[in-house]
């Protein structure tokens, strides 16, 4: 009987030790990316989770906001002609201006290191 208890105790210890080792998660720190192909066949790698966006079209901030992405916008084109945008989405008042559609400030844009 004593021998059976010792064996059961050993088996139980082995199960606990093996089970404890299975609880560790594999930490994968690599950034996941998606490959996007545009209408003319250019391929671009885009992070799976976009955190920094620059808007390069004057009509897009409204759509970005409605779709829930306004918190990712770090810069956009001048919106001086659209005062209603600032009334509807006050967050955009503090977003840096990178110029107009005809004259985008490329240096400032690149300094911001956007995801898209």
PDB file of N, CA and C in Angstrom:
ATOM      1  N   UNK A   1       0.816  -1.190   0.000  1.00  0.00           N
ATOM      2  CA  UNK A   1       0.000   0.000   0.000  1.00  0.00           C
ATOM      3  C   UNK A   1       0.868   1.266   0.000  1.00  0.00           C
ATOM      4  N   UNK A   2       1.946   1.210   0.782  1.00  0.00           N
ATOM      5  CA  UNK A   2       2.850   2.346   0.859  1.00  0.00           C
ATOM      6  C   UNK A   2       3.509   2.602  -0.495  1.00  0.00           C
ATOM      7  N   UNK A   3       3.849   1.535  -1.172  1.00  0.00           N
ATOM      8  CA  UNK A   3       4.487   1.640  -2.476  1.00  0.00           C
ATOM      9  C   UNK A   3       3.538   2.304  -3.485  1.00  0.00           C
ATOM     10  N   UNK A   4       2.266   1.987  -3.434  1.00  0.00           N
ATOM     11  CA  UNK A   4       1.262   2.567  -4.323  1.00  0.00           C
ATOM     12  C   UNK A   4       1.137   4.079  -4.079  1.00  0.00           C
ATOM     13  N   UNK A   5       1.159   4.483  -2.811  1.00  0.00           N
ATOM     14  CA  UNK A   5       1.072   5.907  -2.480  1.00  0.00           C
ATOM     15  C   UNK A   5       2.278   6.672  -3.018  1.00  0.00           C
ATOM     16  N   UNK A   6       3.464   6.074  -2.914  1.00  0.00           N
ATOM     17  CA  UNK A   6       4.676   6.715  -3.423  1.00  0.00           C
ATOM     18  C   UNK A   6       4.572   6.891  -4.934  1.00  0.00           C
ATOM     19  N   UNK A   7       4.131   5.866  -5.643  1.00  0.00           N
ATOM     20  CA  UNK A   7       3.980   5.947  -7.096  1.00  0.00           C
ATOM     21  C   UNK A   7       2.936   7.000  -7.481  1.00  0.00           C
ATOM     22  N   UNK A   8       1.832   7.035  -6.804  1.00  0.00           N
ATOM     23  CA  UNK A   8       0.802   8.037  -7.088  1.00  0.00           C
ATOM     24  C   UNK A   8       1.335   9.450  -6.846  1.00  0.00           C
ATOM     25  N   UNK A   9       2.104   9.614  -5.777  1.00  0.00           N
ATOM     26  CA  UNK A   9       2.690  10.911  -5.475  1.00  0.00           C
ATOM     27  C   UNK A   9       3.683  11.328  -6.564  1.00  0.00           C
ATOM     28  N   UNK A  10       4.508  10.403  -7.027  1.00  0.00           N
ATOM     29  CA  UNK A  10       5.464  10.692  -8.099  1.00  0.00           C
ATOM     30  C   UNK A  10       4.748  11.057  -9.400  1.00  0.00           C
ATOM     31  N   UNK A  11       3.712  10.305  -9.746  1.00  0.00           N
ATOM     32  CA  UNK A  11       2.950  10.585 -10.968  1.00  0.00           C
ATOM     33  C   UNK A  11       2.296  11.962 -10.868  1.00  0.00           C
ATOM     34  N   UNK A  12       1.735  12.270  -9.719  1.00  0.00           N
ATOM     35  CA  UNK A  12       1.106  13.569  -9.505  1.00  0.00           C
ATOM     36  C   UNK A  12       2.122  14.703  -9.636  1.00  0.00           C
ATOM     37  N   UNK A  13       3.329  14.518  -9.095  1.00  0.00           N
ATOM     38  CA  UNK A  13       4.386  15.530  -9.204  1.00  0.00           C
ATOM     39  C   UNK A  13       4.800  15.747 -10.655  1.00  0.00           C
ATOM     40  N   UNK A  14       4.930  14.666 -11.400  1.00  0.00           N
ATOM     41  CA  UNK A  14       5.307  14.767 -12.816  1.00  0.00           C
ATOM     42  C   UNK A  14       4.232  15.531 -13.587  1.00  0.00           C
ATOM     43  N   UNK A  15       2.971  15.234 -13.323  1.00  0.00           N
ATOM     44  CA  UNK A  15       1.870  15.925 -14.005  1.00  0.00           C
ATOM     45  C   UNK A  15       1.890  17.415 -13.678  1.00  0.00           C
ATOM     46  N   UNK A  16       2.141  17.762 -12.426  1.00  0.00           N
ATOM     47  CA  UNK A  16       2.188  19.172 -12.024  1.00  0.00           C
ATOM     48  C   UNK A  16       3.345  19.890 -12.707  1.00  0.00           C
ATOM     49  N   UNK A  17       4.524  19.277 -12.735  1.00  0.00           N
ATOM     50  CA  UNK A  17       5.694  19.901 -13.353  1.00  0.00           C
ATOM     51  C   UNK A  17       5.479  20.080 -14.854  1.00  0.00           C
ATOM     52  N   UNK A  18       4.970  19.066 -15.520  1.00  0.00           N
ATOM     53  CA  UNK A  18       4.727  19.154 -16.965  1.00  0.00           C
ATOM     54  C   UNK A  18       3.647  20.192 -17.250  1.00  0.00           C
ATOM     55  N   UNK A  19       2.601  20.197 -16.455  1.00  0.00           N
ATOM     56  CA  UNK A  19       1.517  21.163 -16.642  1.00  0.00           C
ATOM     57  C   UNK A  19       1.963  22.594 -16.421  1.00  0.00           C
ATOM     58  N   UNK A  20       2.850  22.817 -15.471  1.00  0.00           N
ATOM     59  CA  UNK A  20       3.338  24.170 -15.199  1.00  0.00           C
ATOM     60  C   UNK A  20       4.157  24.701 -16.366  1.00  0.00           C
ATOM     61  N   UNK A  21       4.877  23.861 -17.045  1.00  0.00           N
ATOM     62  CA  UNK A  21       5.671  24.280 -18.195  1.00  0.00           C
ATOM     63  C   UNK A  21       4.824  24.620 -19.402  1.00  0.00           C
ATOM     64  N   UNK A  22       3.625  24.114 -19.473  1.00  0.00           N
ATOM     65  CA  UNK A  22       2.744  24.368 -20.612  1.00  0.00           C
ATOM     66  C   UNK A  22       2.030  25.704 -20.514  1.00  0.00           C
ATOM     67  N   UNK A  23       2.119  26.371 -19.396  1.00  0.00           N
ATOM     68  CA  UNK A  23       1.384  27.607 -19.188  1.00  0.00           C
ATOM     69  C   UNK A  23       2.080  28.823 -19.776  1.00  0.00           C
ATOM     70  N   UNK A  24       3.347  28.717 -20.134  1.00  0.00           N
ATOM     71  CA  UNK A  24       4.079  29.863 -20.652  1.00  0.00           C
ATOM     72  C   UNK A  24       3.646  30.169 -22.076  1.00  0.00           C
ATOM     73  N   UNK A  25       3.431  31.484 -22.334  1.00  0.00           N
ATOM     74  CA  UNK A  25       3.030  31.911 -23.669  1.00  0.00           C
ATOM     75  C   UNK A  25       4.266  32.207 -24.497  1.00  0.00           C
ATOM     76  N   UNK A  26       4.148  31.967 -25.787  1.00  0.00           N
ATOM     77  CA  UNK A  26       5.226  32.274 -26.708  1.00  0.00           C
ATOM     78  C   UNK A  26       5.147  33.752 -27.052  1.00  0.00           C
ATOM     79  N   UNK A  27       6.133  34.531 -26.629  1.00  0.00           N
ATOM     80  CA  UNK A  27       6.150  35.967 -26.888  1.00  0.00           C
ATOM     81  C   UNK A  27       6.729  36.205 -28.279  1.00  0.00           C
ATOM     82  N   UNK A  28       5.865  36.580 -29.217  1.00  0.00           N
ATOM     83  CA  UNK A  28       6.305  36.895 -30.566  1.00  0.00           C
ATOM     84  C   UNK A  28       6.236  38.405 -30.728  1.00  0.00           C
ATOM     85  N   UNK A  29       7.395  39.069 -30.786  1.00  0.00           N
ATOM     86  CA  UNK A  29       7.431  40.520 -30.843  1.00  0.00           C
ATOM     87  C   UNK A  29       7.476  41.056 -32.270  1.00  0.00           C
ATOM     88  N   UNK A  30       7.453  40.196 -33.256  1.00  0.00           N
ATOM     89  CA  UNK A  30       7.492  40.651 -34.637  1.00  0.00           C
ATOM     90  C   UNK A  30       6.202  41.389 -34.983  1.00  0.00           C
ATOM     91  N   UNK A  31       6.356  42.480 -35.735  1.00  0.00           N
ATOM     92  CA  UNK A  31       5.198  43.259 -36.160  1.00  0.00           C
ATOM     93  C   UNK A  31       4.534  42.530 -37.320  1.00  0.00           C
ATOM     94  N   UNK A  32       3.249  42.281 -37.171  1.00  0.00           N
ATOM     95  CA  UNK A  32       2.518  41.622 -38.244  1.00  0.00           C
ATOM     96  C   UNK A  32       2.167  42.655 -39.302  1.00  0.00           C
ATOM     97  N   UNK A  33       2.274  42.251 -40.555  1.00  0.00           N
ATOM     98  CA  UNK A  33       1.995  43.161 -41.661  1.00  0.00           C
ATOM     99  C   UNK A  33       1.038  42.523 -42.650  1.00  0.00           C
ATOM    100  N   UNK A  34       0.332  43.386 -43.366  1.00  0.00           N
ATOM    101  CA  UNK A  34      -0.513  42.963 -44.472  1.00  0.00           C
ATOM    102  C   UNK A  34       0.119  43.507 -45.743  1.00  0.00           C
ATOM    103  N   UNK A  35      -0.027  42.779 -46.819  1.00  0.00           N
ATOM    104  CA  UNK A  35       0.441  43.275 -48.105  1.00  0.00           C
ATOM    105  C   UNK A  35      -0.785  43.743 -48.875  1.00  0.00           C
ATOM    106  N   UNK A  36      -0.762  45.020 -49.269  1.00  0.00           N
ATOM    107  CA  UNK A  36      -1.882  45.625 -49.979  1.00  0.00           C
ATOM    108  C   UNK A  36      -1.440  45.904 -51.406  1.00  0.00           C
ATOM    109  N   UNK A  37      -2.291  45.559 -52.373  1.00  0.00           N
ATOM    110  CA  UNK A  37      -2.020  45.821 -53.784  1.00  0.00           C
ATOM    111  C   UNK A  37      -3.017  46.873 -54.257  1.00  0.00           C
ATOM    112  N   UNK A  38      -2.491  47.976 -54.836  1.00  0.00           N
ATOM    113  CA  UNK A  38      -3.396  49.034 -55.285  1.00  0.00           C
ATOM    114  C   UNK A  38      -3.922  48.751 -56.691  1.00  0.00           C
ATOM    115  N   UNK A  39      -4.671  49.691 -57.240  1.00  0.00           N
ATOM    116  CA  UNK A  39      -5.353  49.501 -58.526  1.00  0.00           C
ATOM    117  C   UNK A  39      -4.398  49.309 -59.695  1.00  0.00           C
ATOM    118  N   UNK A  40      -3.173  49.841 -59.591  1.00  0.00           N
ATOM    119  CA  UNK A  40      -2.236  49.687 -60.708  1.00  0.00           C
ATOM    120  C   UNK A  40      -1.149  48.650 -60.436  1.00  0.00           C
ATOM    121  N   UNK A  41      -1.328  47.864 -59.381  1.00  0.00           N
ATOM    122  CA  UNK A  41      -0.442  46.742 -59.126  1.00  0.00           C
ATOM    123  C   UNK A  41       0.710  46.987 -58.167  1.00  0.00           C
ATOM    124  N   UNK A  42       0.824  48.168 -57.586  1.00  0.00           N
ATOM    125  CA  UNK A  42       1.880  48.427 -56.600  1.00  0.00           C
ATOM    126  C   UNK A  42       1.571  47.678 -55.312  1.00  0.00           C
ATOM    127  N   UNK A  43       2.593  47.066 -54.713  1.00  0.00           N
ATOM    128  CA  UNK A  43       2.390  46.376 -53.437  1.00  0.00           C
ATOM    129  C   UNK A  43       3.038  47.182 -52.316  1.00  0.00           C
ATOM    130  N   UNK A  44       2.339  47.248 -51.198  1.00  0.00           N
ATOM    131  CA  UNK A  44       2.803  48.007 -50.039  1.00  0.00           C
ATOM    132  C   UNK A  44       2.575  47.166 -48.798  1.00  0.00           C
ATOM    133  N   UNK A  45       3.567  47.152 -47.894  1.00  0.00           N
ATOM    134  CA  UNK A  45       3.392  46.474 -46.610  1.00  0.00           C
ATOM    135  C   UNK A  45       2.808  47.469 -45.616  1.00  0.00           C
ATOM    136  N   UNK A  46       1.705  47.076 -44.993  1.00  0.00           N
ATOM    137  CA  UNK A  46       1.006  47.925 -44.027  1.00  0.00           C
ATOM    138  C   UNK A  46       0.936  47.175 -42.704  1.00  0.00           C
ATOM    139  N   UNK A  47       1.247  47.839 -41.582  1.00  0.00           N
ATOM    140  CA  UNK A  47       1.136  47.155 -40.288  1.00  0.00           C
ATOM    141  C   UNK A  47      -0.277  46.636 -40.058  1.00  0.00           C
ATOM    142  N   UNK A  48      -0.380  45.512 -39.388  1.00  0.00           N
ATOM    143  CA  UNK A  48      -1.687  44.919 -39.102  1.00  0.00           C
ATOM    144  C   UNK A  48      -2.533  45.862 -38.257  1.00  0.00           C
ATOM    145  N   UNK A  49      -1.902  46.555 -37.323  1.00  0.00           N
ATOM    146  CA  UNK A  49      -2.612  47.534 -36.494  1.00  0.00           C
ATOM    147  C   UNK A  49      -2.027  48.909 -36.794  1.00  0.00           C
ATOM    148  N   UNK A  50      -2.793  49.733 -37.482  1.00  0.00           N
ATOM    149  CA  UNK A  50      -2.354  51.074 -37.861  1.00  0.00           C
ATOM    150  C   UNK A  50      -2.590  52.021 -36.689  1.00  0.00           C
ATOM    151  N   UNK A  51      -1.524  52.722 -36.264  1.00  0.00           N
ATOM    152  CA  UNK A  51      -1.643  53.650 -35.137  1.00  0.00           C
ATOM    153  C   UNK A  51      -1.362  55.096 -35.524  1.00  0.00           C
ATOM    154  N   UNK A  52      -0.714  55.320 -36.684  1.00  0.00           N
ATOM    155  CA  UNK A  52      -0.395  56.679 -37.119  1.00  0.00           C
ATOM    156  C   UNK A  52      -0.806  56.859 -38.576  1.00  0.00           C
ATOM    157  N   UNK A  53      -1.769  57.770 -38.797  1.00  0.00           N
ATOM    158  CA  UNK A  53      -2.310  58.008 -40.128  1.00  0.00           C
ATOM    159  C   UNK A  53      -2.157  59.474 -40.489  1.00  0.00           C
ATOM    160  N   UNK A  54      -1.815  59.741 -41.751  1.00  0.00           N
ATOM    161  CA  UNK A  54      -1.818  61.103 -42.273  1.00  0.00           C
ATOM    162  C   UNK A  54      -2.860  61.155 -43.381  1.00  0.00           C
ATOM    163  N   UNK A  55      -3.736  62.150 -43.306  1.00  0.00           N
ATOM    164  CA  UNK A  55      -4.804  62.291 -44.301  1.00  0.00           C
ATOM    165  C   UNK A  55      -4.330  63.245 -45.385  1.00  0.00           C
ATOM    166  N   UNK A  56      -4.305  62.763 -46.634  1.00  0.00           N
ATOM    167  CA  UNK A  56      -3.816  63.543 -47.761  1.00  0.00           C
ATOM    168  C   UNK A  56      -4.899  63.999 -48.711  1.00  0.00           C
ATOM    169  N   UNK A  57      -6.129  64.002 -48.268  1.00  0.00           N
ATOM    170  CA  UNK A  57      -7.247  64.467 -49.088  1.00  0.00           C
ATOM    171  C   UNK A  57      -8.188  65.252 -48.182  1.00  0.00           C
ATOM    172  N   UNK A  58      -8.685  66.376 -48.652  1.00  0.00           N
ATOM    173  CA  UNK A  58      -9.457  67.264 -47.792  1.00  0.00           C
ATOM    174  C   UNK A  58     -10.828  66.724 -47.412  1.00  0.00           C
ATOM    175  N   UNK A  59     -11.357  65.770 -48.113  1.00  0.00           N
ATOM    176  CA  UNK A  59     -12.687  65.254 -47.797  1.00  0.00           C
ATOM    177  C   UNK A  59     -12.660  64.005 -46.927  1.00  0.00           C
ATOM    178  N   UNK A  60     -11.491  63.476 -46.666  1.00  0.00           N
ATOM    179  CA  UNK A  60     -11.375  62.198 -45.963  1.00  0.00           C
ATOM    180  C   UNK A  60     -11.547  62.273 -44.438  1.00  0.00           C
ATOM    181  N   UNK A  61     -11.213  63.362 -43.739  1.00  0.00           N
ATOM    182  CA  UNK A  61     -11.342  63.351 -42.276  1.00  0.00           C
ATOM    183  C   UNK A  61     -12.730  62.969 -41.772  1.00  0.00           C
ATOM    184  N   UNK A  62     -13.768  63.385 -42.479  1.00  0.00           N
ATOM    185  CA  UNK A  62     -15.121  63.031 -42.060  1.00  0.00           C
ATOM    186  C   UNK A  62     -15.330  61.524 -42.108  1.00  0.00           C
ATOM    187  N   UNK A  63     -14.896  60.900 -43.190  1.00  0.00           N
ATOM    188  CA  UNK A  63     -15.062  59.460 -43.335  1.00  0.00           C
ATOM    189  C   UNK A  63     -14.240  58.698 -42.297  1.00  0.00           C
ATOM    190  N   UNK A  64     -13.016  59.153 -42.070  1.00  0.00           N
ATOM    191  CA  UNK A  64     -12.158  58.506 -41.075  1.00  0.00           C
ATOM    192  C   UNK A  64     -12.816  58.575 -39.697  1.00  0.00           C
ATOM    193  N   UNK A  65     -13.394  59.718 -39.378  1.00  0.00           N
ATOM    194  CA  UNK A  65     -14.051  59.883 -38.076  1.00  0.00           C
ATOM    195  C   UNK A  65     -15.272  58.993 -37.941  1.00  0.00           C
ATOM    196  N   UNK A  66     -16.082  58.943 -38.980  1.00  0.00           N
ATOM    197  CA  UNK A  66     -17.296  58.121 -38.939  1.00  0.00           C
ATOM    198  C   UNK A  66     -16.942  56.644 -38.793  1.00  0.00           C
ATOM    199  N   UNK A  67     -15.821  56.232 -39.386  1.00  0.00           N
ATOM    200  CA  UNK A  67     -15.393  54.832 -39.304  1.00  0.00           C
ATOM    201  C   UNK A  67     -14.605  54.536 -38.025  1.00  0.00           C
ATOM    202  N   UNK A  68     -14.408  55.543 -37.170  1.00  0.00           N
ATOM    203  CA  UNK A  68     -13.765  55.313 -35.875  1.00  0.00           C
ATOM    204  C   UNK A  68     -12.257  55.406 -35.865  1.00  0.00           C
ATOM    205  N   UNK A  69     -11.654  56.024 -36.868  1.00  0.00           N
ATOM    206  CA  UNK A  69     -10.198  56.084 -36.920  1.00  0.00           C
ATOM    207  C   UNK A  69      -9.601  57.438 -36.608  1.00  0.00           C
ATOM    208  N   UNK A  70     -10.383  58.369 -36.099  1.00  0.00           N
ATOM    209  CA  UNK A  70      -9.862  59.724 -35.888  1.00  0.00           C
ATOM    210  C   UNK A  70      -8.733  59.774 -34.862  1.00  0.00           C
ATOM    211  N   UNK A  71      -8.691  58.827 -33.949  1.00  0.00           N
ATOM    212  CA  UNK A  71      -7.629  58.831 -32.937  1.00  0.00           C
ATOM    213  C   UNK A  71      -6.268  58.458 -33.511  1.00  0.00           C
ATOM    214  N   UNK A  72      -6.219  57.931 -34.740  1.00  0.00           N
ATOM    215  CA  UNK A  72      -4.942  57.574 -35.356  1.00  0.00           C
ATOM    216  C   UNK A  72      -4.365  58.698 -36.207  1.00  0.00           C
ATOM    217  N   UNK A  73      -5.138  59.752 -36.474  1.00  0.00           N
ATOM    218  CA  UNK A  73      -4.703  60.833 -37.365  1.00  0.00           C
ATOM    219  C   UNK A  73      -3.670  61.700 -36.650  1.00  0.00           C
ATOM    220  N   UNK A  74      -2.459  61.797 -37.252  1.00  0.00           N
ATOM    221  CA  UNK A  74      -1.393  62.605 -36.655  1.00  0.00           C
ATOM    222  C   UNK A  74      -1.122  63.875 -37.460  1.00  0.00           C
ATOM    223  N   UNK A  75      -1.654  63.973 -38.689  1.00  0.00           N
ATOM    224  CA  UNK A  75      -1.522  65.170 -39.522  1.00  0.00           C
ATOM    225  C   UNK A  75      -2.512  65.064 -40.674  1.00  0.00           C
ATOM    226  N   UNK A  76      -2.845  66.229 -41.250  1.00  0.00           N
ATOM    227  CA  UNK A  76      -3.753  66.231 -42.397  1.00  0.00           C
ATOM    228  C   UNK A  76      -3.575  67.515 -43.188  1.00  0.00           C
ATOM    229  N   UNK A  77      -4.176  67.549 -44.371  1.00  0.00           N
ATOM    230  CA  UNK A  77      -4.134  68.742 -45.200  1.00  0.00           C
ATOM    231  C   UNK A  77      -4.949  69.849 -44.551  1.00  0.00           C
ATOM    232  N   UNK A  78      -4.668  71.074 -44.961  1.00  0.00           N
ATOM    233  CA  UNK A  78      -5.380  72.236 -44.436  1.00  0.00           C
ATOM    234  C   UNK A  78      -6.888  72.071 -44.620  1.00  0.00           C
ATOM    235  N   UNK A  79      -7.631  72.382 -43.568  1.00  0.00           N
ATOM    236  CA  UNK A  79      -9.093  72.276 -43.602  1.00  0.00           C
ATOM    237  C   UNK A  79      -9.737  73.638 -43.365  1.00  0.00           C
ATOM    238  N   UNK A  80      -9.027  74.713 -43.675  1.00  0.00           N
ATOM    239  CA  UNK A  80      -9.538  76.057 -43.395  1.00  0.00           C
ATOM    240  C   UNK A  80     -10.847  76.355 -44.115  1.00  0.00           C
ATOM    241  N   UNK A  81     -11.060  75.748 -45.248  1.00  0.00           N
ATOM    242  CA  UNK A  81     -12.297  75.992 -46.003  1.00  0.00           C
ATOM    243  C   UNK A  81     -13.489  75.226 -45.417  1.00  0.00           C
ATOM    244  N   UNK A  82     -13.234  74.308 -44.493  1.00  0.00           N
ATOM    245  CA  UNK A  82     -14.292  73.453 -43.940  1.00  0.00           C
ATOM    246  C   UNK A  82     -14.393  73.674 -42.436  1.00  0.00           C
ATOM    247  N   UNK A  83     -14.885  74.812 -42.031  1.00  0.00           N
ATOM    248  CA  UNK A  83     -15.018  75.109 -40.595  1.00  0.00           C
ATOM    249  C   UNK A  83     -15.990  74.145 -39.919  1.00  0.00           C
ATOM    250  N   UNK A  84     -16.929  73.607 -40.685  1.00  0.00           N
ATOM    251  CA  UNK A  84     -17.907  72.669 -40.121  1.00  0.00           C
ATOM    252  C   UNK A  84     -17.217  71.414 -39.583  1.00  0.00           C
ATOM    253  N   UNK A  85     -16.103  71.021 -40.203  1.00  0.00           N
ATOM    254  CA  UNK A  85     -15.363  69.848 -39.731  1.00  0.00           C
ATOM    255  C   UNK A  85     -14.953  70.031 -38.272  1.00  0.00           C
ATOM    256  N   UNK A  86     -14.450  71.215 -37.934  1.00  0.00           N
ATOM    257  CA  UNK A  86     -13.999  71.473 -36.566  1.00  0.00           C
ATOM    258  C   UNK A  86     -15.163  71.516 -35.578  1.00  0.00           C
ATOM    259  N   UNK A  87     -16.339  71.898 -36.060  1.00  0.00           N
ATOM    260  CA  UNK A  87     -17.517  71.880 -35.185  1.00  0.00           C
ATOM    261  C   UNK A  87     -17.968  70.449 -34.922  1.00  0.00           C
ATOM    262  N   UNK A  88     -17.942  69.633 -35.963  1.00  0.00           N
ATOM    263  CA  UNK A  88     -18.392  68.244 -35.829  1.00  0.00           C
ATOM    264  C   UNK A  88     -17.363  67.377 -35.111  1.00  0.00           C
ATOM    265  N   UNK A  89     -16.086  67.618 -35.396  1.00  0.00           N
ATOM    266  CA  UNK A  89     -15.005  66.808 -34.842  1.00  0.00           C
ATOM    267  C   UNK A  89     -13.926  67.736 -34.267  1.00  0.00           C
ATOM    268  N   UNK A  90     -14.121  68.261 -33.062  1.00  0.00           N
ATOM    269  CA  UNK A  90     -13.189  69.234 -32.478  1.00  0.00           C
ATOM    270  C   UNK A  90     -11.759  68.717 -32.337  1.00  0.00           C
ATOM    271  N   UNK A  91     -11.566  67.408 -32.312  1.00  0.00           N
ATOM    272  CA  UNK A  91     -10.228  66.838 -32.164  1.00  0.00           C
ATOM    273  C   UNK A  91      -9.295  67.302 -33.282  1.00  0.00           C
ATOM    274  N   UNK A  92      -9.851  67.560 -34.468  1.00  0.00           N
ATOM    275  CA  UNK A  92      -9.020  67.934 -35.612  1.00  0.00           C
ATOM    276  C   UNK A  92      -8.428  69.341 -35.498  1.00  0.00           C
ATOM    277  N   UNK A  93      -8.901  70.165 -34.574  1.00  0.00           N
ATOM    278  CA  UNK A  93      -8.329  71.507 -34.405  1.00  0.00           C
ATOM    279  C   UNK A  93      -6.861  71.424 -33.997  1.00  0.00           C
ATOM    280  N   UNK A  94      -6.489  70.381 -33.265  1.00  0.00           N
ATOM    281  CA  UNK A  94      -5.125  70.237 -32.749  1.00  0.00           C
ATOM    282  C   UNK A  94      -4.217  69.396 -33.638  1.00  0.00           C
ATOM    283  N   UNK A  95      -4.745  68.875 -34.742  1.00  0.00           N
ATOM    284  CA  UNK A  95      -3.946  68.030 -35.640  1.00  0.00           C
ATOM    285  C   UNK A  95      -3.093  68.934 -36.532  1.00  0.00           C
ATOM    286  N   UNK A  96      -1.787  68.679 -36.631  1.00  0.00           N
ATOM    287  CA  UNK A  96      -0.908  69.517 -37.452  1.00  0.00           C
ATOM    288  C   UNK A  96      -1.322  69.552 -38.923  1.00  0.00           C
ATOM    289  N   UNK A  97      -1.110  70.705 -39.534  1.00  0.00           N
ATOM    290  CA  UNK A  97      -1.423  70.951 -40.942  1.00  0.00           C
ATOM    291  C   UNK A  97      -0.160  70.671 -41.761  1.00  0.00           C
ATOM    292  N   UNK A  98      -0.260  69.830 -42.785  1.00  0.00           N
ATOM    293  CA  UNK A  98       0.911  69.523 -43.620  1.00  0.00           C
ATOM    294  C   UNK A  98       0.846  70.197 -44.982  1.00  0.00           C
ATOM    295  N   UNK A  99       0.007  71.214 -45.128  1.00  0.00           N
ATOM    296  CA  UNK A  99      -0.076  71.958 -46.376  1.00  0.00           C
ATOM    297  C   UNK A  99      -1.385  71.731 -47.100  1.00  0.00           C
ATOM    298  N   UNK A 100      -1.363  72.020 -48.392  1.00  0.00           N
ATOM    299  CA  UNK A 100      -2.556  71.853 -49.220  1.00  0.00           C
ATOM    300  C   UNK A 100      -2.344  70.690 -50.179  1.00  0.00           C
ATOM    301  N   UNK A 101      -3.386  70.348 -50.920  1.00  0.00           N
ATOM    302  CA  UNK A 101      -3.289  69.238 -51.869  1.00  0.00           C
ATOM    303  C   UNK A 101      -2.212  69.510 -52.915  1.00  0.00           C
ATOM    304  N   UNK A 102      -2.071  70.778 -53.321  1.00  0.00           N
ATOM    305  CA  UNK A 102      -1.080  71.143 -54.337  1.00  0.00           C
ATOM    306  C   UNK A 102       0.327  71.275 -53.760  1.00  0.00           C
ATOM    307  N   UNK A 103       0.432  71.588 -52.465  1.00  0.00           N
ATOM    308  CA  UNK A 103       1.740  71.826 -51.854  1.00  0.00           C
ATOM    309  C   UNK A 103       1.839  71.142 -50.495  1.00  0.00           C
ATOM    310  N   UNK A 104       2.044  69.842 -50.512  1.00  0.00           N
ATOM    311  CA  UNK A 104       2.208  69.090 -49.267  1.00  0.00           C
ATOM    312  C   UNK A 104       3.641  69.272 -48.773  1.00  0.00           C
ATOM    313  N   UNK A 105       3.807  69.505 -47.494  1.00  0.00           N
ATOM    314  CA  UNK A 105       5.123  69.652 -46.882  1.00  0.00           C
ATOM    315  C   UNK A 105       5.691  68.244 -46.631  1.00  0.00           C
ATOM    316  N   UNK A 106       6.422  67.743 -47.612  1.00  0.00           N
ATOM    317  CA  UNK A 106       6.941  66.376 -47.573  1.00  0.00           C
ATOM    318  C   UNK A 106       7.892  66.169 -46.394  1.00  0.00           C
ATOM    319  N   UNK A 107       8.723  67.166 -46.079  1.00  0.00           N
ATOM    320  CA  UNK A 107       9.676  67.025 -44.976  1.00  0.00           C
ATOM    321  C   UNK A 107       8.952  66.787 -43.650  1.00  0.00           C
ATOM    322  N   UNK A 108       7.917  67.581 -43.389  1.00  0.00           N
ATOM    323  CA  UNK A 108       7.140  67.408 -42.157  1.00  0.00           C
ATOM    324  C   UNK A 108       6.435  66.060 -42.145  1.00  0.00           C
ATOM    325  N   UNK A 109       5.902  65.682 -43.281  1.00  0.00           N
ATOM    326  CA  UNK A 109       5.206  64.402 -43.400  1.00  0.00           C
ATOM    327  C   UNK A 109       6.142  63.248 -43.042  1.00  0.00           C
ATOM    328  N   UNK A 110       7.349  63.251 -43.583  1.00  0.00           N
ATOM    329  CA  UNK A 110       8.300  62.170 -43.323  1.00  0.00           C
ATOM    330  C   UNK A 110       8.795  62.165 -41.877  1.00  0.00           C
ATOM    331  N   UNK A 111       8.915  63.335 -41.252  1.00  0.00           N
ATOM    332  CA  UNK A 111       9.340  63.406 -39.850  1.00  0.00           C
ATOM    333  C   UNK A 111       8.354  62.701 -38.926  1.00  0.00           C
ATOM    334  N   UNK A 112       7.092  62.700 -39.310  1.00  0.00           N
ATOM    335  CA  UNK A 112       6.050  62.112 -38.460  1.00  0.00           C
ATOM    336  C   UNK A 112       6.032  60.588 -38.515  1.00  0.00           C
ATOM    337  N   UNK A 113       6.705  60.009 -39.501  1.00  0.00           N
ATOM    338  CA  UNK A 113       6.822  58.554 -39.631  1.00  0.00           C
ATOM    339  C   UNK A 113       5.466  57.835 -39.524  1.00  0.00           C
ATOM    340  N   UNK A 114       4.544  58.117 -40.447  1.00  0.00           N
ATOM    341  CA  UNK A 114       3.208  57.505 -40.366  1.00  0.00           C
ATOM    342  C   UNK A 114       3.211  56.040 -40.789  1.00  0.00           C
ATOM    343  N   UNK A 115       2.199  55.294 -40.316  1.00  0.00           N
ATOM    344  CA  UNK A 115       1.997  53.924 -40.789  1.00  0.00           C
ATOM    345  C   UNK A 115       1.401  53.952 -42.190  1.00  0.00           C
ATOM    346  N   UNK A 116       0.410  54.827 -42.378  1.00  0.00           N
ATOM    347  CA  UNK A 116      -0.224  55.019 -43.698  1.00  0.00           C
ATOM    348  C   UNK A 116      -0.532  56.479 -43.890  1.00  0.00           C
TER     349      UNK A 116
END
